[in-house]
Amino acid sequence: MSNLAKQIEILNKELSKQLPEEINELFAQSIKDLKDQKIEEKAMTVGMSLPPFSLMNSENQQLNSQQLLEQYDKVVLFFFRGSWCPYCNLELRAIQNFITQNQLDRIRILAISPQSTTYSKQLIAENNLAFDLLYDQNNELSKELGIAFTLQDYAQVAYSGLGIDLSLFNGNDTYELPIPAVFVIDKNAIITYSYVDSNYVNRIDLENLATILKA
């Protein structure tokens, strides 16, 4: 079991104790409903061309996919839900450790979410992240990749009850989010590896990703 998987296992146990049973049940139902939508089967996958993008980072600088692919041999895109998500925070810190521990001279790591740059800037500062968090406004890129979904009404109520106001984080009232996903892109904008899982508790095995990037 990877270090990130161990941390997630601990978090699962903590949340199951801290949250009311009915909330845990609603979250489990939300995951089941997403699985039933078969988002994984509809998402873009290996061999497909990445849609071109231009997204803003936390410093309000535009990052263009064409320029990135000209500068790097590979670009890795991590899609996360937001700084309000404890699983996303664990993953982002694990990504930072991953970057520190691996030689990634010709590889660019980027994390993408629908939350505004203000929240991403705070997230970077609080977790000492040294990679860019990009703002996918209204989940436009996530939609093109086929990984966006609308949070169920009952899950919206549960989130609100926990003080999580997605409209505040994302600047809209659509309650749309990306499912956790990772795409490795080569210089020709072709997806060479993808990880897509609508169960937000599950995250990519970074040790496995390191092997893939070195291939």
Protein backbone atom coordinates (compact mmCIF):
# COMPACT_ATOMS: atom_id res chain seq x y z
CA MET A 1 0.00 0.00 0.00
CA SER A 2 1.35 3.42 -0.97
CA ASN A 3 1.91 6.17 1.59
CA LEU A 4 -0.99 8.20 0.15
CA ALA A 5 -3.27 5.16 0.33
CA LYS A 6 -2.32 4.69 3.99
CA GLN A 7 -3.11 8.34 4.73
CA ILE A 8 -6.48 7.98 2.99
CA GLU A 9 -7.25 4.87 5.02
CA ILE A 10 -6.57 6.80 8.24
CA LEU A 11 -8.70 9.71 7.03
CA ASN A 12 -11.57 7.36 6.19
CA LYS A 13 -11.56 6.01 9.74
CA GLU A 14 -11.40 9.49 11.25
CA LEU A 15 -14.28 10.83 9.15
CA SER A 16 -16.44 7.77 9.80
CA LYS A 17 -16.15 8.55 13.52
CA GLN A 18 -16.46 12.34 13.28
CA LEU A 19 -19.35 12.65 10.83
CA PRO A 20 -22.95 11.72 11.68
CA GLU A 21 -23.93 8.28 10.38
CA GLU A 22 -26.56 9.76 8.05
CA ILE A 23 -23.93 12.00 6.43
CA ASN A 24 -21.59 9.06 5.87
CA GLU A 25 -24.49 7.17 4.29
CA LEU A 26 -25.31 10.08 1.99
CA PHE A 27 -21.71 10.32 0.83
CA ALA A 28 -21.64 6.58 0.16
CA GLN A 29 -24.86 6.91 -1.84
CA SER A 30 -23.42 9.82 -3.79
CA ILE A 31 -20.40 7.72 -4.79
CA LYS A 32 -22.66 4.83 -5.82
CA ASP A 33 -24.81 7.13 -7.94
CA LEU A 34 -21.72 8.49 -9.67
CA LYS A 35 -20.45 4.97 -10.34
CA ASP A 36 -23.82 4.15 -11.91
CA GLN A 37 -23.30 7.05 -14.34
CA LYS A 38 -20.23 5.24 -15.71
CA ILE A 39 -18.27 8.46 -16.02
CA GLU A 40 -15.03 6.50 -16.32
CA GLU A 41 -16.26 4.93 -19.56
CA LYS A 42 -17.22 8.32 -21.05
CA ALA A 43 -14.03 10.18 -20.16
CA MET A 44 -11.23 10.81 -22.65
CA THR A 45 -8.57 8.15 -22.49
CA VAL A 46 -5.23 6.92 -23.85
CA GLY A 47 -4.67 7.69 -27.52
CA MET A 48 -7.00 10.69 -27.64
CA SER A 49 -5.88 14.28 -28.22
CA LEU A 50 -6.02 16.68 -25.29
CA PRO A 51 -8.27 19.68 -26.04
CA PRO A 52 -6.14 22.85 -26.09
CA PHE A 53 -6.51 25.00 -23.00
CA SER A 54 -5.45 28.31 -21.51
CA LEU A 55 -6.01 28.47 -17.76
CA MET A 56 -5.06 30.94 -15.06
CA ASN A 57 -2.82 30.00 -12.15
CA SER A 58 -3.02 31.39 -8.61
CA GLU A 59 -0.86 34.36 -9.62
CA ASN A 60 -3.34 35.29 -12.36
CA GLN A 61 -0.97 34.17 -15.12
CA GLN A 62 -2.35 32.33 -18.14
CA LEU A 63 -0.79 28.94 -18.88
CA ASN A 64 -1.29 27.76 -22.44
CA SER A 65 -1.21 24.05 -23.29
CA GLN A 66 0.56 24.58 -26.62
CA GLN A 67 3.40 26.50 -24.98
CA LEU A 68 3.68 23.94 -22.18
CA LEU A 69 3.96 21.07 -24.64
CA GLU A 70 6.65 22.94 -26.54
CA GLN A 71 8.69 23.38 -23.35
CA TYR A 72 8.25 19.93 -21.77
CA ASP A 73 8.39 16.31 -22.91
CA LYS A 74 5.34 15.46 -20.79
CA VAL A 75 2.65 17.39 -18.95
CA VAL A 76 0.75 15.75 -16.10
CA LEU A 77 -2.70 17.11 -15.22
CA PHE A 78 -4.21 16.32 -11.82
CA PHE A 79 -7.88 17.25 -11.46
CA PHE A 80 -9.09 17.86 -7.91
CA ARG A 81 -12.35 19.08 -6.40
CA GLY A 82 -11.19 21.93 -4.17
CA SER A 83 -9.41 22.95 -1.00
CA TRP A 84 -12.54 22.08 1.02
CA CYS A 85 -11.98 18.39 0.18
CA PRO A 86 -9.71 16.62 2.73
CA TYR A 87 -8.86 13.87 0.24
CA CYS A 88 -7.71 16.48 -2.28
CA ASN A 89 -5.50 18.11 0.34
CA LEU A 90 -3.84 14.78 1.08
CA GLU A 91 -3.27 14.18 -2.62
CA LEU A 92 -1.84 17.63 -3.27
CA ARG A 93 0.66 17.27 -0.42
CA ALA A 94 1.57 13.82 -1.77
CA ILE A 95 2.12 15.34 -5.22
CA GLN A 96 4.52 17.86 -3.69
CA ASN A 97 6.48 15.03 -2.06
CA PHE A 98 6.38 13.17 -5.38
CA ILE A 99 7.93 16.16 -7.18
CA THR A 100 10.60 16.53 -4.51
CA GLN A 101 11.57 12.85 -4.61
CA ASN A 102 11.67 12.36 -8.39
CA GLN A 103 13.72 13.79 -11.25
CA LEU A 104 11.15 15.63 -13.37
CA ASP A 105 13.37 17.94 -15.42
CA ARG A 106 11.36 17.62 -18.63
CA ILE A 107 7.98 16.97 -17.01
CA ARG A 108 5.50 19.64 -15.83
CA ILE A 109 3.04 18.85 -13.05
CA LEU A 110 -0.19 20.88 -12.88
CA ALA A 111 -3.27 20.56 -10.67
CA ILE A 112 -6.63 21.81 -11.90
CA SER A 113 -9.89 22.60 -10.11
CA PRO A 114 -12.98 24.79 -10.55
CA GLN A 115 -12.25 26.84 -7.44
CA SER A 116 -11.23 30.48 -7.83
CA THR A 117 -7.59 31.55 -7.79
CA THR A 118 -8.03 33.14 -4.35
CA TYR A 119 -8.67 29.77 -2.72
CA SER A 120 -5.92 28.08 -4.69
CA LYS A 121 -3.44 30.74 -3.59
CA GLN A 122 -4.38 30.06 0.04
CA LEU A 123 -4.06 26.33 -0.54
CA ILE A 124 -0.56 26.73 -1.97
CA ALA A 125 0.55 28.83 1.00
CA GLU A 126 -0.95 26.54 3.63
CA ASN A 127 0.59 23.39 2.14
CA ASN A 128 3.88 24.80 0.78
CA LEU A 129 3.10 23.65 -2.74
CA ALA A 130 5.67 24.42 -5.43
CA PHE A 131 3.54 23.57 -8.47
CA ASP A 132 0.77 25.48 -10.21
CA LEU A 133 -2.91 25.15 -9.36
CA LEU A 134 -4.98 26.17 -12.36
CA TYR A 135 -8.49 27.63 -12.39
CA ASP A 136 -10.86 25.68 -14.63
CA GLN A 137 -13.68 28.21 -14.59
CA ASN A 138 -17.10 26.54 -14.75
CA ASN A 139 -15.32 23.21 -15.32
CA GLU A 140 -14.93 23.95 -19.03
CA LEU A 141 -11.84 21.74 -19.49
CA SER A 142 -13.26 19.03 -17.25
CA LYS A 143 -16.38 18.95 -19.40
CA GLU A 144 -14.31 18.57 -22.57
CA LEU A 145 -12.45 15.67 -20.96
CA GLY A 146 -15.73 14.09 -19.85
CA ILE A 147 -14.98 14.11 -16.12
CA ALA A 148 -17.39 16.81 -14.89
CA PHE A 149 -20.59 16.00 -13.02
CA THR A 150 -23.32 17.78 -11.09
CA LEU A 151 -23.42 17.04 -7.37
CA GLN A 152 -26.70 15.39 -6.40
CA ASP A 153 -29.31 17.52 -4.58
CA TYR A 154 -29.09 15.43 -1.41
CA ALA A 155 -25.28 15.69 -1.44
CA GLN A 156 -25.54 19.46 -1.87
CA VAL A 157 -27.64 19.59 1.30
CA ALA A 158 -25.11 17.43 3.14
CA TYR A 159 -22.20 19.63 2.05
CA SER A 160 -24.05 22.78 3.08
CA GLY A 161 -24.73 21.22 6.48
CA LEU A 162 -20.97 20.79 6.91
CA GLY A 163 -20.36 24.44 6.04
CA ILE A 164 -19.07 23.73 2.52
CA ASP A 165 -20.44 26.39 0.18
CA LEU A 166 -19.43 25.36 -3.34
CA SER A 167 -20.96 28.48 -4.85
CA LEU A 168 -18.49 30.50 -2.79
CA PHE A 169 -15.49 28.41 -3.81
CA ASN A 170 -16.41 28.10 -7.48
CA GLY A 171 -18.14 31.41 -8.10
CA ASN A 172 -21.32 29.88 -9.55
CA ASP A 173 -24.39 27.96 -8.44
CA THR A 174 -24.09 24.94 -10.74
CA TYR A 175 -22.65 22.52 -8.15
CA GLU A 176 -20.49 21.01 -10.86
CA LEU A 177 -17.24 19.28 -9.95
CA PRO A 178 -14.59 17.15 -11.66
CA ILE A 179 -14.11 13.59 -10.51
CA PRO A 180 -10.50 12.88 -9.44
CA ALA A 181 -8.49 12.23 -12.58
CA VAL A 182 -4.93 12.28 -13.87
CA PHE A 183 -3.81 12.61 -17.50
CA VAL A 184 -0.27 12.30 -18.84
CA ILE A 185 0.15 14.20 -22.11
CA ASP A 186 3.02 13.89 -24.59
CA LYS A 187 4.49 16.62 -26.81
CA ASN A 188 1.93 15.87 -29.53
CA ALA A 189 -0.93 16.53 -27.09
CA ILE A 190 -1.78 12.83 -27.01
CA ILE A 191 -2.98 11.26 -23.75
CA THR A 192 -0.50 8.47 -22.96
CA TYR A 193 -1.92 7.56 -19.54
CA SER A 194 -5.16 8.28 -17.72
CA TYR A 195 -6.54 7.62 -14.27
CA VAL A 196 -10.23 8.35 -13.74
CA ASP A 197 -12.23 7.24 -10.69
CA SER A 198 -15.63 8.64 -9.70
CA ASN A 199 -15.06 7.41 -6.15
CA TYR A 200 -13.33 10.53 -4.80
CA VAL A 201 -11.88 8.53 -1.90
CA ASN A 202 -9.63 6.65 -4.33
CA ARG A 203 -6.55 8.41 -5.68
CA ILE A 204 -3.77 7.50 -8.10
CA ASP A 205 -0.83 5.38 -6.95
CA LEU A 206 2.00 7.90 -7.28
CA GLU A 207 4.66 5.21 -7.12
CA ASN A 208 3.07 3.63 -10.18
CA LEU A 209 2.92 7.04 -11.89
CA ALA A 210 6.64 7.52 -11.29
CA THR A 211 7.33 4.28 -13.15
CA ILE A 212 5.10 5.36 -16.01
CA LEU A 213 6.76 8.76 -16.34
CA LYS A 214 10.21 7.21 -16.47
CA ALA A 215 9.25 4.82 -19.27
